N, C-alpha and C. Protein backbone atom coordinates (compact mmCIF):
# COMPACT_ATOMS: atom_id res chain seq x y z
N MET A 1 -84.47 85.21 -71.93
CA MET A 1 -85.78 85.82 -71.86
C MET A 1 -85.64 87.31 -71.54
N LYS A 2 -86.60 88.08 -72.00
CA LYS A 2 -86.62 89.52 -71.76
C LYS A 2 -86.94 89.78 -70.29
N LYS A 3 -86.24 90.73 -69.69
CA LYS A 3 -86.49 91.10 -68.29
C LYS A 3 -87.75 91.95 -68.24
N ILE A 4 -88.71 91.59 -67.38
CA ILE A 4 -89.96 92.32 -67.30
C ILE A 4 -89.76 93.68 -66.62
N ALA A 5 -90.70 94.59 -66.87
CA ALA A 5 -90.57 95.99 -66.43
C ALA A 5 -90.35 96.12 -64.93
N SER A 6 -91.10 95.37 -64.11
CA SER A 6 -90.96 95.54 -62.66
C SER A 6 -89.61 95.10 -62.12
N PHE A 7 -88.89 94.25 -62.87
CA PHE A 7 -87.56 93.84 -62.44
C PHE A 7 -86.49 94.83 -62.91
N GLN A 8 -86.91 95.82 -63.69
CA GLN A 8 -85.98 96.84 -64.15
C GLN A 8 -85.99 98.08 -63.26
N VAL A 9 -86.90 98.12 -62.28
CA VAL A 9 -86.94 99.21 -61.31
C VAL A 9 -85.89 98.92 -60.25
N ASN A 10 -85.05 99.90 -59.95
CA ASN A 10 -84.00 99.71 -58.95
C ASN A 10 -84.63 99.69 -57.55
N HIS A 11 -84.75 98.50 -56.99
CA HIS A 11 -85.40 98.34 -55.70
C HIS A 11 -84.59 98.93 -54.55
N ASP A 12 -83.33 99.23 -54.76
CA ASP A 12 -82.53 99.90 -53.74
C ASP A 12 -82.95 101.36 -53.57
N LYS A 13 -83.63 101.92 -54.57
CA LYS A 13 -84.04 103.32 -54.52
C LYS A 13 -85.53 103.50 -54.21
N LEU A 14 -86.27 102.41 -54.11
CA LEU A 14 -87.72 102.51 -53.92
C LEU A 14 -88.07 103.10 -52.56
N LYS A 15 -89.08 103.92 -52.58
CA LYS A 15 -89.64 104.51 -51.38
C LYS A 15 -91.13 104.16 -51.34
N LYS A 16 -91.73 104.30 -50.18
CA LYS A 16 -93.17 104.11 -50.08
C LYS A 16 -93.87 105.15 -50.93
N GLY A 17 -95.00 104.76 -51.54
CA GLY A 17 -95.76 105.69 -52.34
C GLY A 17 -96.59 104.98 -53.39
N MET A 18 -97.10 105.76 -54.32
CA MET A 18 -97.90 105.24 -55.42
C MET A 18 -97.22 105.63 -56.72
N TYR A 19 -96.94 104.64 -57.57
CA TYR A 19 -96.17 104.87 -58.78
C TYR A 19 -96.86 104.27 -60.00
N ILE A 20 -96.65 104.92 -61.13
CA ILE A 20 -97.09 104.37 -62.41
C ILE A 20 -96.04 103.35 -62.80
N SER A 21 -96.41 102.10 -62.84
CA SER A 21 -95.46 101.04 -63.18
C SER A 21 -95.34 100.89 -64.68
N ARG A 22 -96.49 100.84 -65.36
CA ARG A 22 -96.48 100.67 -66.81
C ARG A 22 -97.84 101.02 -67.38
N ILE A 23 -97.83 101.31 -68.67
CA ILE A 23 -99.07 101.58 -69.41
C ILE A 23 -99.03 100.69 -70.64
N ASP A 24 -100.00 99.81 -70.74
CA ASP A 24 -100.12 98.88 -71.87
C ASP A 24 -101.44 99.14 -72.56
N ASP A 25 -101.37 99.73 -73.74
CA ASP A 25 -102.58 100.10 -74.47
C ASP A 25 -103.47 100.95 -73.56
N ASP A 26 -104.63 100.42 -73.16
CA ASP A 26 -105.53 101.22 -72.32
C ASP A 26 -105.52 100.78 -70.86
N ILE A 27 -104.48 100.06 -70.43
CA ILE A 27 -104.39 99.58 -69.05
C ILE A 27 -103.19 100.22 -68.35
N VAL A 28 -103.47 100.83 -67.20
CA VAL A 28 -102.42 101.45 -66.40
C VAL A 28 -102.21 100.58 -65.15
N THR A 29 -100.95 100.23 -64.90
CA THR A 29 -100.60 99.49 -63.69
C THR A 29 -99.94 100.44 -62.71
N TYR A 30 -100.52 100.52 -61.52
CA TYR A 30 -99.94 101.31 -60.44
C TYR A 30 -99.33 100.36 -59.42
N ASP A 31 -98.17 100.74 -58.92
CA ASP A 31 -97.55 100.03 -57.81
C ASP A 31 -97.84 100.84 -56.56
N ILE A 32 -98.49 100.23 -55.60
CA ILE A 32 -98.75 100.87 -54.31
C ILE A 32 -97.68 100.30 -53.37
N ARG A 33 -96.60 101.04 -53.20
CA ARG A 33 -95.45 100.59 -52.40
C ARG A 33 -95.68 100.94 -50.94
N MET A 34 -95.86 99.91 -50.10
CA MET A 34 -96.22 100.10 -48.71
C MET A 34 -95.09 99.81 -47.73
N LYS A 35 -94.10 99.09 -48.18
CA LYS A 35 -92.95 98.74 -47.34
C LYS A 35 -91.68 98.92 -48.16
N LEU A 36 -90.58 99.24 -47.49
CA LEU A 36 -89.30 99.35 -48.19
C LEU A 36 -88.80 97.96 -48.54
N PRO A 37 -88.34 97.77 -49.77
CA PRO A 37 -87.83 96.44 -50.16
C PRO A 37 -86.53 96.09 -49.44
N ASN A 38 -86.33 94.82 -49.23
CA ASN A 38 -85.07 94.29 -48.71
C ASN A 38 -84.60 95.01 -47.45
N ASN A 39 -85.54 95.34 -46.58
CA ASN A 39 -85.17 96.09 -45.38
C ASN A 39 -84.58 95.16 -44.32
N LYS A 40 -83.65 95.69 -43.59
CA LYS A 40 -82.92 94.89 -42.59
C LYS A 40 -83.80 94.48 -41.42
N GLU A 41 -84.89 95.20 -41.19
CA GLU A 41 -85.78 94.89 -40.07
C GLU A 41 -86.75 93.76 -40.42
N ASN A 42 -86.69 93.27 -41.67
CA ASN A 42 -87.61 92.23 -42.12
C ASN A 42 -89.06 92.67 -41.93
N ASP A 43 -89.29 93.96 -42.21
CA ASP A 43 -90.61 94.57 -42.04
C ASP A 43 -91.37 94.52 -43.37
N TYR A 44 -92.17 93.48 -43.53
CA TYR A 44 -92.98 93.30 -44.73
C TYR A 44 -94.44 93.20 -44.31
N LEU A 45 -95.33 93.29 -45.28
CA LEU A 45 -96.74 93.13 -44.97
C LEU A 45 -96.96 91.72 -44.43
N LYS A 46 -97.64 91.64 -43.32
CA LYS A 46 -97.95 90.34 -42.73
C LYS A 46 -99.14 89.75 -43.49
N ASN A 47 -99.07 88.45 -43.77
CA ASN A 47 -100.10 87.83 -44.60
C ASN A 47 -101.54 88.08 -44.14
N PRO A 48 -101.88 87.89 -42.86
CA PRO A 48 -103.27 88.11 -42.47
C PRO A 48 -103.75 89.55 -42.71
N ALA A 49 -102.90 90.52 -42.39
CA ALA A 49 -103.27 91.94 -42.59
C ALA A 49 -103.35 92.25 -44.08
N MET A 50 -102.41 91.73 -44.84
CA MET A 50 -102.39 91.95 -46.29
C MET A 50 -103.65 91.33 -46.93
N HIS A 51 -104.03 90.17 -46.46
CA HIS A 51 -105.20 89.48 -46.98
C HIS A 51 -106.47 90.31 -46.71
N THR A 52 -106.61 90.80 -45.49
CA THR A 52 -107.76 91.62 -45.14
C THR A 52 -107.75 92.92 -45.93
N PHE A 53 -106.58 93.53 -46.05
CA PHE A 53 -106.49 94.77 -46.82
C PHE A 53 -106.92 94.51 -48.27
N GLU A 54 -106.51 93.39 -48.83
CA GLU A 54 -106.90 93.05 -50.20
C GLU A 54 -108.43 92.97 -50.34
N HIS A 55 -109.08 92.30 -49.40
CA HIS A 55 -110.54 92.19 -49.46
C HIS A 55 -111.20 93.57 -49.38
N LEU A 56 -110.70 94.41 -48.49
CA LEU A 56 -111.29 95.74 -48.32
C LEU A 56 -110.98 96.65 -49.50
N PHE A 57 -109.75 96.60 -49.99
CA PHE A 57 -109.32 97.41 -51.14
C PHE A 57 -110.17 97.04 -52.36
N ALA A 58 -110.28 95.75 -52.65
CA ALA A 58 -111.04 95.30 -53.81
C ALA A 58 -112.51 95.68 -53.68
N THR A 59 -113.07 95.49 -52.50
CA THR A 59 -114.47 95.83 -52.28
C THR A 59 -114.68 97.33 -52.46
N TYR A 60 -113.80 98.13 -51.88
CA TYR A 60 -113.95 99.58 -51.99
C TYR A 60 -113.84 100.03 -53.46
N ALA A 61 -112.76 99.66 -54.11
CA ALA A 61 -112.50 100.14 -55.48
C ALA A 61 -113.60 99.70 -56.44
N ARG A 62 -114.14 98.52 -56.21
CA ARG A 62 -115.17 98.00 -57.12
C ARG A 62 -116.57 98.51 -56.76
N ASN A 63 -116.63 99.41 -55.79
CA ASN A 63 -117.89 100.06 -55.45
C ASN A 63 -117.83 101.56 -55.65
N THR A 64 -116.79 102.04 -56.30
CA THR A 64 -116.70 103.46 -56.62
C THR A 64 -117.38 103.72 -57.96
N GLU A 65 -117.46 104.98 -58.32
CA GLU A 65 -118.02 105.34 -59.63
C GLU A 65 -117.15 104.82 -60.77
N PHE A 66 -115.91 104.41 -60.46
CA PHE A 66 -114.97 103.94 -61.47
C PHE A 66 -114.93 102.42 -61.58
N SER A 67 -115.83 101.74 -60.90
CA SER A 67 -115.77 100.28 -60.77
C SER A 67 -115.64 99.54 -62.10
N LYS A 68 -116.31 100.00 -63.13
CA LYS A 68 -116.26 99.28 -64.42
C LYS A 68 -114.88 99.38 -65.08
N ASP A 69 -114.03 100.29 -64.61
CA ASP A 69 -112.70 100.45 -65.18
C ASP A 69 -111.59 99.92 -64.27
N VAL A 70 -111.97 99.30 -63.16
CA VAL A 70 -110.99 98.64 -62.29
C VAL A 70 -110.81 97.22 -62.82
N ILE A 71 -109.57 96.85 -63.13
CA ILE A 71 -109.28 95.55 -63.72
C ILE A 71 -108.79 94.54 -62.69
N TYR A 72 -107.85 94.96 -61.86
CA TYR A 72 -107.23 94.00 -60.94
C TYR A 72 -106.66 94.73 -59.73
N ILE A 73 -106.77 94.07 -58.59
CA ILE A 73 -106.17 94.53 -57.34
C ILE A 73 -105.55 93.31 -56.69
N GLY A 74 -104.27 93.37 -56.39
CA GLY A 74 -103.66 92.21 -55.76
C GLY A 74 -102.33 92.53 -55.13
N PRO A 75 -101.92 91.70 -54.18
CA PRO A 75 -100.67 91.93 -53.47
C PRO A 75 -99.44 91.56 -54.30
N MET A 76 -98.34 92.22 -54.03
CA MET A 76 -97.05 91.86 -54.62
C MET A 76 -96.53 90.64 -53.87
N GLY A 77 -95.98 89.72 -54.58
CA GLY A 77 -95.46 88.50 -53.95
C GLY A 77 -94.37 88.78 -52.93
N CYS A 78 -93.65 89.87 -53.07
CA CYS A 78 -92.58 90.21 -52.13
C CYS A 78 -93.12 90.82 -50.84
N ARG A 79 -94.44 91.03 -50.78
CA ARG A 79 -95.14 91.57 -49.60
C ARG A 79 -94.71 92.99 -49.27
N THR A 80 -94.39 93.78 -50.30
CA THR A 80 -94.06 95.19 -50.08
C THR A 80 -95.18 96.12 -50.55
N GLY A 81 -96.23 95.58 -51.14
CA GLY A 81 -97.30 96.45 -51.61
C GLY A 81 -98.33 95.73 -52.45
N PHE A 82 -99.04 96.52 -53.25
CA PHE A 82 -100.14 96.02 -54.08
C PHE A 82 -100.03 96.55 -55.50
N TYR A 83 -100.61 95.79 -56.42
CA TYR A 83 -100.80 96.25 -57.79
C TYR A 83 -102.24 96.72 -57.92
N PHE A 84 -102.42 97.79 -58.68
CA PHE A 84 -103.75 98.35 -58.93
C PHE A 84 -103.80 98.63 -60.42
N LEU A 85 -104.58 97.82 -61.16
CA LEU A 85 -104.68 97.96 -62.61
C LEU A 85 -106.04 98.53 -62.98
N VAL A 86 -106.00 99.58 -63.81
CA VAL A 86 -107.23 100.25 -64.23
C VAL A 86 -107.15 100.60 -65.71
N ARG A 87 -108.28 100.85 -66.30
CA ARG A 87 -108.31 101.37 -67.67
C ARG A 87 -107.89 102.83 -67.63
N ASP A 88 -107.31 103.29 -68.73
CA ASP A 88 -106.81 104.67 -68.75
C ASP A 88 -107.92 105.72 -68.80
N LYS A 89 -109.17 105.28 -68.69
CA LYS A 89 -110.29 106.22 -68.54
C LYS A 89 -110.21 106.91 -67.18
N ILE A 90 -109.53 106.26 -66.24
CA ILE A 90 -109.30 106.83 -64.91
C ILE A 90 -107.98 107.60 -64.98
N SER A 91 -108.02 108.88 -64.72
CA SER A 91 -106.79 109.68 -64.76
C SER A 91 -105.88 109.32 -63.60
N HIS A 92 -104.61 109.70 -63.69
CA HIS A 92 -103.68 109.44 -62.59
C HIS A 92 -104.16 110.14 -61.32
N LYS A 93 -104.68 111.33 -61.48
CA LYS A 93 -105.19 112.09 -60.33
C LYS A 93 -106.37 111.36 -59.69
N GLU A 94 -107.27 110.82 -60.51
CA GLU A 94 -108.41 110.07 -59.98
C GLU A 94 -107.96 108.77 -59.31
N ALA A 95 -106.98 108.09 -59.89
CA ALA A 95 -106.47 106.85 -59.30
C ALA A 95 -105.85 107.14 -57.93
N LEU A 96 -105.12 108.23 -57.84
CA LEU A 96 -104.52 108.63 -56.56
C LEU A 96 -105.62 108.91 -55.54
N GLN A 97 -106.67 109.58 -55.96
CA GLN A 97 -107.77 109.89 -55.03
C GLN A 97 -108.48 108.61 -54.60
N ILE A 98 -108.64 107.67 -55.50
CA ILE A 98 -109.23 106.38 -55.13
C ILE A 98 -108.40 105.74 -54.01
N MET A 99 -107.08 105.77 -54.16
CA MET A 99 -106.22 105.17 -53.13
C MET A 99 -106.33 105.91 -51.81
N LYS A 100 -106.30 107.22 -51.85
CA LYS A 100 -106.43 108.00 -50.60
C LYS A 100 -107.76 107.69 -49.92
N ASP A 101 -108.83 107.67 -50.70
CA ASP A 101 -110.15 107.37 -50.15
C ASP A 101 -110.23 105.93 -49.64
N CYS A 102 -109.57 105.01 -50.34
CA CYS A 102 -109.55 103.61 -49.91
C CYS A 102 -108.88 103.47 -48.55
N PHE A 103 -107.76 104.15 -48.37
CA PHE A 103 -107.08 104.07 -47.07
C PHE A 103 -107.96 104.62 -45.95
N GLU A 104 -108.70 105.68 -46.24
CA GLU A 104 -109.63 106.23 -45.24
C GLU A 104 -110.73 105.22 -44.94
N PHE A 105 -111.25 104.57 -45.98
CA PHE A 105 -112.28 103.55 -45.82
C PHE A 105 -111.78 102.42 -44.91
N VAL A 106 -110.58 101.93 -45.18
CA VAL A 106 -110.03 100.81 -44.40
C VAL A 106 -109.79 101.25 -42.95
N LYS A 107 -109.27 102.44 -42.75
CA LYS A 107 -109.01 102.93 -41.39
C LYS A 107 -110.28 102.95 -40.54
N LYS A 108 -111.40 103.27 -41.16
CA LYS A 108 -112.66 103.42 -40.43
C LYS A 108 -113.54 102.17 -40.45
N PHE A 109 -113.12 101.15 -41.18
CA PHE A 109 -113.98 99.98 -41.38
C PHE A 109 -114.23 99.24 -40.07
N GLU A 110 -115.48 98.88 -39.86
CA GLU A 110 -115.89 98.05 -38.72
C GLU A 110 -116.82 96.97 -39.26
N GLY A 111 -116.86 95.86 -38.60
CA GLY A 111 -117.81 94.82 -38.98
C GLY A 111 -117.14 93.65 -39.67
N GLU A 112 -117.98 92.88 -40.34
CA GLU A 112 -117.51 91.67 -41.01
C GLU A 112 -116.73 92.02 -42.27
N ILE A 113 -115.59 91.43 -42.42
CA ILE A 113 -114.75 91.66 -43.60
C ILE A 113 -115.46 91.06 -44.82
N PRO A 114 -115.65 91.86 -45.87
CA PRO A 114 -116.33 91.35 -47.06
C PRO A 114 -115.61 90.12 -47.64
N GLY A 115 -116.37 89.13 -47.99
CA GLY A 115 -115.81 87.92 -48.62
C GLY A 115 -114.99 87.06 -47.69
N SER A 116 -115.27 87.12 -46.40
CA SER A 116 -114.44 86.37 -45.45
C SER A 116 -115.11 85.12 -44.89
N LYS A 117 -116.19 84.71 -45.51
CA LYS A 117 -116.82 83.46 -45.09
C LYS A 117 -116.17 82.29 -45.82
N LYS A 118 -116.29 81.13 -45.23
CA LYS A 118 -115.66 79.93 -45.78
C LYS A 118 -116.03 79.70 -47.25
N GLU A 119 -117.29 79.91 -47.60
CA GLU A 119 -117.72 79.66 -48.97
C GLU A 119 -117.30 80.78 -49.94
N GLU A 120 -116.74 81.85 -49.41
CA GLU A 120 -116.35 83.01 -50.23
C GLU A 120 -114.85 83.17 -50.41
N CYS A 121 -114.06 82.50 -49.58
CA CYS A 121 -112.61 82.78 -49.53
C CYS A 121 -111.82 81.49 -49.34
N GLY A 122 -110.74 81.38 -50.05
CA GLY A 122 -109.91 80.18 -49.97
C GLY A 122 -109.04 80.09 -48.73
N ASN A 123 -108.98 81.15 -47.95
CA ASN A 123 -108.20 81.14 -46.71
C ASN A 123 -108.92 82.03 -45.69
N TYR A 124 -110.18 81.71 -45.46
CA TYR A 124 -111.06 82.57 -44.68
C TYR A 124 -110.65 82.77 -43.23
N LEU A 125 -109.81 81.89 -42.69
CA LEU A 125 -109.40 82.01 -41.29
C LEU A 125 -108.22 82.97 -41.09
N GLU A 126 -107.56 83.34 -42.18
CA GLU A 126 -106.37 84.18 -42.03
C GLU A 126 -106.68 85.65 -42.39
N HIS A 127 -107.23 86.37 -41.44
CA HIS A 127 -107.54 87.79 -41.60
C HIS A 127 -107.10 88.55 -40.36
N ASP A 128 -106.79 89.83 -40.54
CA ASP A 128 -106.37 90.69 -39.45
C ASP A 128 -106.81 92.12 -39.76
N LEU A 129 -107.98 92.49 -39.25
CA LEU A 129 -108.52 93.82 -39.51
C LEU A 129 -107.67 94.91 -38.88
N SER A 130 -107.22 94.71 -37.66
CA SER A 130 -106.40 95.76 -37.02
C SER A 130 -105.09 95.95 -37.78
N GLY A 131 -104.53 94.86 -38.30
CA GLY A 131 -103.31 94.98 -39.11
C GLY A 131 -103.57 95.71 -40.42
N ALA A 132 -104.73 95.46 -41.05
CA ALA A 132 -105.10 96.17 -42.28
C ALA A 132 -105.27 97.65 -41.99
N LYS A 133 -105.83 97.97 -40.85
CA LYS A 133 -106.00 99.38 -40.46
C LYS A 133 -104.65 100.06 -40.24
N GLU A 134 -103.70 99.34 -39.70
CA GLU A 134 -102.35 99.90 -39.51
C GLU A 134 -101.71 100.22 -40.86
N ILE A 135 -101.88 99.32 -41.82
CA ILE A 135 -101.36 99.56 -43.17
C ILE A 135 -101.99 100.84 -43.73
N ALA A 136 -103.31 100.95 -43.60
CA ALA A 136 -104.03 102.11 -44.13
C ALA A 136 -103.62 103.40 -43.43
N GLU A 137 -103.42 103.34 -42.14
CA GLU A 137 -102.99 104.52 -41.38
C GLU A 137 -101.63 105.00 -41.87
N ASP A 138 -100.70 104.07 -42.00
CA ASP A 138 -99.36 104.41 -42.46
C ASP A 138 -99.40 105.00 -43.88
N MET A 139 -100.13 104.35 -44.77
CA MET A 139 -100.15 104.80 -46.16
C MET A 139 -100.94 106.10 -46.34
N SER A 140 -101.90 106.37 -45.47
CA SER A 140 -102.59 107.65 -45.52
C SER A 140 -101.61 108.79 -45.31
N GLU A 141 -100.69 108.58 -44.38
CA GLU A 141 -99.65 109.59 -44.12
C GLU A 141 -98.71 109.73 -45.32
N VAL A 142 -98.32 108.59 -45.88
CA VAL A 142 -97.40 108.59 -47.03
C VAL A 142 -98.02 109.35 -48.20
N LEU A 143 -99.29 109.11 -48.49
CA LEU A 143 -99.93 109.71 -49.66
C LEU A 143 -100.60 111.06 -49.39
N LYS A 144 -100.54 111.52 -48.15
CA LYS A 144 -101.25 112.75 -47.79
C LYS A 144 -100.93 113.90 -48.75
N ASN A 145 -99.67 114.10 -49.07
CA ASN A 145 -99.26 115.20 -49.96
C ASN A 145 -98.73 114.68 -51.29
N TRP A 146 -99.12 113.45 -51.64
CA TRP A 146 -98.64 112.83 -52.88
C TRP A 146 -99.29 113.53 -54.07
N THR A 147 -98.55 113.63 -55.16
CA THR A 147 -99.07 114.27 -56.38
C THR A 147 -98.78 113.37 -57.57
N GLU A 148 -99.38 113.72 -58.70
CA GLU A 148 -99.12 112.98 -59.93
C GLU A 148 -97.63 113.03 -60.29
N GLU A 149 -96.99 114.14 -60.01
CA GLU A 149 -95.57 114.29 -60.34
C GLU A 149 -94.69 113.31 -59.57
N LYS A 150 -95.12 112.90 -58.41
CA LYS A 150 -94.36 111.96 -57.59
C LYS A 150 -94.57 110.51 -58.01
N MET A 151 -95.47 110.28 -58.97
CA MET A 151 -95.83 108.92 -59.37
C MET A 151 -94.83 108.30 -60.36
N ILE A 152 -93.75 108.97 -60.63
CA ILE A 152 -92.73 108.49 -61.57
C ILE A 152 -91.58 107.89 -60.76
N TYR A 153 -91.19 106.66 -61.09
CA TYR A 153 -90.07 106.03 -60.40
C TYR A 153 -88.77 106.78 -60.65
N GLU A 154 -87.97 106.88 -59.60
CA GLU A 154 -86.63 107.45 -59.72
C GLU A 154 -85.77 106.49 -60.52
N LYS A 155 -85.03 107.01 -61.45
CA LYS A 155 -84.14 106.17 -62.30
C LYS A 155 -82.86 105.83 -61.58
């Protein structure tokens, strides 16, 4: 079988950040790398915090002016980050700004987590708002001076 694109990225060289993973016709996949892969400290996104971040990220992105062009938001199975798929109507610069604004939104969020009721979520008891805020705080720093030029994976 053909090796898929994400398995062709050298994970030994990955750093935290936002990267263009692939472009398929009019769909752009961004990798939001939040943790270093295969780290010796076993420091990965914790499921409850990742779950809450997913709810907040999806809610935020789907309430922006770009909502009709947001296709998918979801965690990486390796727990090192998230995928963010959008139509190419959203420029790389705009996608980066959405992420920066999203992290600010999560850092400041108070109240009930959207979609966290039993009838709305398949794992409604596993949430961690303070953990989601920690993720957002860390990634705000990572992306503070991020540019479109940095969105290309190192070969």
